Amino acid sequence: MKIVRRLVRAGERGMASGALAEALGVSPAGMSFHLGQLEQAGIVRSERQSRSIVYRADYEALGGLIRFLTEDCCSDNPRIRACCK
């Protein structure tokens, strides 16, 4: 969650994976793993810029996930629906 928050705050300029790792106190290898998983899930996207890979939040995908969680996912379970209000 911290990675996605950082990328949302970074906006369209995004952040290089090394800068993210340093900012969050994670090893570069660990950050690469997590970013790869988030990219595979469609939550972030990457772009090579010179020698760095810059990651950005995919706002459309995040919006779709939030809509699903608040409208569809919670609607059939009264225990979960209570937390969505």
N, C-alpha and C. Protein backbone atom coordinates (compact mmCIF):
# COMPACT_ATOMS: atom_id res chain seq x y z
N MET A 1 0.82 -1.19 0.00
CA MET A 1 0.00 0.00 0.00
C MET A 1 0.87 1.26 0.00
N LYS A 2 2.00 1.21 0.71
CA LYS A 2 2.87 2.38 0.77
C LYS A 2 3.43 2.73 -0.61
N ILE A 3 3.69 1.71 -1.41
CA ILE A 3 4.23 1.96 -2.75
C ILE A 3 3.19 2.70 -3.59
N VAL A 4 1.96 2.22 -3.56
CA VAL A 4 0.90 2.85 -4.34
C VAL A 4 0.66 4.28 -3.86
N ARG A 5 0.67 4.49 -2.55
CA ARG A 5 0.49 5.85 -2.02
C ARG A 5 1.57 6.78 -2.54
N ARG A 6 2.82 6.33 -2.50
CA ARG A 6 3.93 7.15 -3.00
C ARG A 6 3.75 7.49 -4.47
N LEU A 7 3.35 6.49 -5.25
CA LEU A 7 3.19 6.73 -6.68
C LEU A 7 2.02 7.65 -6.97
N VAL A 8 0.95 7.54 -6.22
CA VAL A 8 -0.18 8.46 -6.40
C VAL A 8 0.27 9.87 -6.08
N ARG A 9 1.00 10.05 -5.00
CA ARG A 9 1.50 11.38 -4.63
C ARG A 9 2.49 11.93 -5.65
N ALA A 10 3.27 11.05 -6.28
CA ALA A 10 4.26 11.48 -7.27
C ALA A 10 3.60 12.00 -8.54
N GLY A 11 2.37 11.58 -8.79
CA GLY A 11 1.65 12.05 -9.96
C GLY A 11 2.22 11.50 -11.25
N GLU A 12 2.03 12.25 -12.31
CA GLU A 12 2.46 11.79 -13.64
C GLU A 12 3.97 11.73 -13.80
N ARG A 13 4.71 12.42 -12.97
CA ARG A 13 6.18 12.33 -13.09
C ARG A 13 6.68 10.97 -12.62
N GLY A 14 5.91 10.29 -11.74
CA GLY A 14 6.28 8.97 -11.27
C GLY A 14 7.53 8.98 -10.42
N MET A 15 8.05 7.80 -10.15
CA MET A 15 9.27 7.66 -9.37
C MET A 15 10.07 6.48 -9.90
N ALA A 16 11.38 6.63 -9.90
CA ALA A 16 12.26 5.52 -10.26
C ALA A 16 12.22 4.48 -9.15
N SER A 17 12.40 3.23 -9.52
CA SER A 17 12.32 2.16 -8.52
C SER A 17 13.36 2.35 -7.43
N GLY A 18 14.55 2.82 -7.76
CA GLY A 18 15.58 3.06 -6.76
C GLY A 18 15.18 4.13 -5.76
N ALA A 19 14.56 5.18 -6.25
CA ALA A 19 14.09 6.25 -5.36
C ALA A 19 12.98 5.75 -4.46
N LEU A 20 12.09 4.92 -5.00
CA LEU A 20 11.03 4.33 -4.18
C LEU A 20 11.62 3.45 -3.09
N ALA A 21 12.57 2.61 -3.47
CA ALA A 21 13.21 1.71 -2.50
C ALA A 21 13.86 2.51 -1.37
N GLU A 22 14.58 3.55 -1.73
CA GLU A 22 15.24 4.38 -0.72
C GLU A 22 14.23 5.08 0.18
N ALA A 23 13.20 5.64 -0.41
CA ALA A 23 12.19 6.38 0.35
C ALA A 23 11.45 5.48 1.33
N LEU A 24 11.25 4.22 0.97
CA LEU A 24 10.47 3.33 1.81
C LEU A 24 11.34 2.37 2.62
N GLY A 25 12.64 2.48 2.49
CA GLY A 25 13.54 1.64 3.28
C GLY A 25 13.48 0.17 2.90
N VAL A 26 13.35 -0.09 1.60
CA VAL A 26 13.25 -1.45 1.09
C VAL A 26 14.47 -1.71 0.20
N SER A 27 14.92 -2.94 0.14
CA SER A 27 16.05 -3.25 -0.74
C SER A 27 15.61 -3.06 -2.20
N PRO A 28 16.54 -2.69 -3.07
CA PRO A 28 16.18 -2.53 -4.48
C PRO A 28 15.57 -3.81 -5.07
N ALA A 29 16.10 -4.97 -4.70
CA ALA A 29 15.55 -6.23 -5.21
C ALA A 29 14.12 -6.45 -4.72
N GLY A 30 13.89 -6.15 -3.45
CA GLY A 30 12.54 -6.28 -2.89
C GLY A 30 11.57 -5.33 -3.57
N MET A 31 12.01 -4.10 -3.82
CA MET A 31 11.16 -3.12 -4.48
C MET A 31 10.84 -3.57 -5.90
N SER A 32 11.83 -4.08 -6.61
CA SER A 32 11.59 -4.56 -7.97
C SER A 32 10.55 -5.67 -7.99
N PHE A 33 10.65 -6.58 -7.02
CA PHE A 33 9.67 -7.67 -6.93
C PHE A 33 8.27 -7.10 -6.75
N HIS A 34 8.09 -6.21 -5.77
CA HIS A 34 6.77 -5.67 -5.47
C HIS A 34 6.22 -4.84 -6.63
N LEU A 35 7.07 -4.04 -7.25
CA LEU A 35 6.63 -3.25 -8.39
C LEU A 35 6.21 -4.15 -9.56
N GLY A 36 6.95 -5.23 -9.76
CA GLY A 36 6.59 -6.19 -10.80
C GLY A 36 5.21 -6.80 -10.56
N GLN A 37 4.93 -7.12 -9.30
CA GLN A 37 3.63 -7.68 -8.96
C GLN A 37 2.51 -6.65 -9.17
N LEU A 38 2.76 -5.42 -8.77
CA LEU A 38 1.76 -4.36 -8.94
C LEU A 38 1.54 -4.07 -10.43
N GLU A 39 2.61 -4.13 -11.20
CA GLU A 39 2.46 -3.90 -12.64
C GLU A 39 1.69 -5.05 -13.29
N GLN A 40 1.98 -6.27 -12.88
CA GLN A 40 1.25 -7.42 -13.41
C GLN A 40 -0.23 -7.35 -13.05
N ALA A 41 -0.54 -6.81 -11.88
CA ALA A 41 -1.93 -6.64 -11.46
C ALA A 41 -2.60 -5.47 -12.16
N GLY A 42 -1.83 -4.64 -12.85
CA GLY A 42 -2.39 -3.53 -13.60
C GLY A 42 -2.59 -2.26 -12.78
N ILE A 43 -2.00 -2.21 -11.61
CA ILE A 43 -2.18 -1.05 -10.72
C ILE A 43 -1.14 0.03 -10.99
N VAL A 44 0.03 -0.37 -11.45
CA VAL A 44 1.07 0.60 -11.82
C VAL A 44 1.55 0.28 -13.23
N ARG A 45 2.19 1.26 -13.84
CA ARG A 45 2.79 1.05 -15.16
C ARG A 45 4.21 1.60 -15.12
N SER A 46 5.04 1.10 -16.00
CA SER A 46 6.44 1.50 -15.99
C SER A 46 6.86 2.02 -17.36
N GLU A 47 7.95 2.79 -17.31
CA GLU A 47 8.53 3.34 -18.54
C GLU A 47 10.03 3.49 -18.32
N ARG A 48 10.80 2.99 -19.25
CA ARG A 48 12.25 3.15 -19.16
C ARG A 48 12.61 4.58 -19.55
N GLN A 49 13.39 5.22 -18.69
CA GLN A 49 13.91 6.55 -18.97
C GLN A 49 15.41 6.51 -18.73
N SER A 50 16.15 6.47 -19.81
CA SER A 50 17.59 6.37 -19.74
C SER A 50 17.97 5.07 -19.02
N ARG A 51 18.64 5.17 -17.88
CA ARG A 51 19.07 3.98 -17.15
C ARG A 51 18.10 3.57 -16.05
N SER A 52 17.03 4.30 -15.88
CA SER A 52 16.08 4.03 -14.81
C SER A 52 14.75 3.53 -15.37
N ILE A 53 14.02 2.84 -14.52
CA ILE A 53 12.64 2.49 -14.84
C ILE A 53 11.77 3.32 -13.91
N VAL A 54 10.92 4.14 -14.51
CA VAL A 54 10.05 5.03 -13.75
C VAL A 54 8.67 4.39 -13.68
N TYR A 55 8.11 4.36 -12.48
CA TYR A 55 6.80 3.76 -12.25
C TYR A 55 5.79 4.86 -11.95
N ARG A 56 4.57 4.65 -12.44
CA ARG A 56 3.47 5.58 -12.20
C ARG A 56 2.24 4.78 -11.80
N ALA A 57 1.41 5.37 -10.95
CA ALA A 57 0.14 4.76 -10.61
C ALA A 57 -0.75 4.80 -11.84
N ASP A 58 -1.51 3.76 -12.06
CA ASP A 58 -2.50 3.74 -13.15
C ASP A 58 -3.82 4.17 -12.53
N TYR A 59 -4.16 5.45 -12.68
CA TYR A 59 -5.32 6.02 -12.01
C TYR A 59 -6.63 5.39 -12.48
N GLU A 60 -6.71 5.06 -13.75
CA GLU A 60 -7.93 4.43 -14.26
C GLU A 60 -8.14 3.06 -13.60
N ALA A 61 -7.08 2.29 -13.50
CA ALA A 61 -7.19 0.97 -12.86
C ALA A 61 -7.51 1.11 -11.37
N LEU A 62 -6.87 2.05 -10.70
CA LEU A 62 -7.16 2.27 -9.28
C LEU A 62 -8.60 2.71 -9.08
N GLY A 63 -9.10 3.58 -9.94
CA GLY A 63 -10.49 4.01 -9.86
C GLY A 63 -11.44 2.85 -10.04
N GLY A 64 -11.14 1.97 -11.00
CA GLY A 64 -11.96 0.79 -11.21
C GLY A 64 -11.95 -0.14 -10.01
N LEU A 65 -10.80 -0.30 -9.40
CA LEU A 65 -10.69 -1.14 -8.21
C LEU A 65 -11.50 -0.56 -7.06
N ILE A 66 -11.40 0.74 -6.86
CA ILE A 66 -12.15 1.40 -5.78
C ILE A 66 -13.65 1.27 -6.03
N ARG A 67 -14.07 1.50 -7.28
CA ARG A 67 -15.50 1.33 -7.60
C ARG A 67 -15.97 -0.09 -7.33
N PHE A 68 -15.18 -1.07 -7.74
CA PHE A 68 -15.55 -2.46 -7.50
C PHE A 68 -15.68 -2.72 -6.00
N LEU A 69 -14.71 -2.29 -5.24
CA LEU A 69 -14.73 -2.56 -3.81
C LEU A 69 -15.89 -1.88 -3.11
N THR A 70 -16.24 -0.68 -3.52
CA THR A 70 -17.31 0.05 -2.83
C THR A 70 -18.70 -0.26 -3.37
N GLU A 71 -18.81 -0.63 -4.64
CA GLU A 71 -20.14 -0.85 -5.22
C GLU A 71 -20.50 -2.32 -5.34
N ASP A 72 -19.61 -3.13 -5.83
CA ASP A 72 -19.92 -4.53 -6.13
C ASP A 72 -19.50 -5.49 -5.03
N CYS A 73 -18.29 -5.38 -4.61
CA CYS A 73 -17.73 -6.34 -3.67
C CYS A 73 -18.47 -6.33 -2.34
N CYS A 74 -18.77 -5.19 -1.83
CA CYS A 74 -19.36 -5.07 -0.50
C CYS A 74 -20.87 -5.27 -0.48
N SER A 75 -21.52 -5.24 -1.60
CA SER A 75 -22.98 -5.20 -1.62
C SER A 75 -23.66 -6.45 -1.10
N ASP A 76 -23.05 -7.61 -1.19
CA ASP A 76 -23.71 -8.85 -0.80
C ASP A 76 -23.32 -9.35 0.59
N ASN A 77 -22.44 -8.70 1.24
CA ASN A 77 -22.00 -9.17 2.55
C ASN A 77 -22.24 -8.08 3.58
N PRO A 78 -23.20 -8.28 4.46
CA PRO A 78 -23.55 -7.22 5.43
C PRO A 78 -22.38 -6.84 6.35
N ARG A 79 -21.50 -7.78 6.66
CA ARG A 79 -20.36 -7.46 7.52
C ARG A 79 -19.39 -6.53 6.82
N ILE A 80 -19.19 -6.74 5.54
CA ILE A 80 -18.27 -5.88 4.78
C ILE A 80 -18.95 -4.58 4.41
N ARG A 81 -20.21 -4.65 4.04
CA ARG A 81 -20.96 -3.45 3.64
C ARG A 81 -20.93 -2.40 4.74
N ALA A 82 -20.95 -2.82 6.00
CA ALA A 82 -20.94 -1.88 7.12
C ALA A 82 -19.68 -1.03 7.12
N CYS A 83 -18.56 -1.58 6.67
CA CYS A 83 -17.32 -0.81 6.68
C CYS A 83 -17.23 0.13 5.50
N CYS A 84 -18.04 -0.04 4.49
CA CYS A 84 -17.97 0.79 3.28
C CYS A 84 -18.80 2.06 3.39
N LYS A 85 -19.54 2.21 4.45
CA LYS A 85 -20.40 3.39 4.59
C LYS A 85 -19.71 4.48 5.33
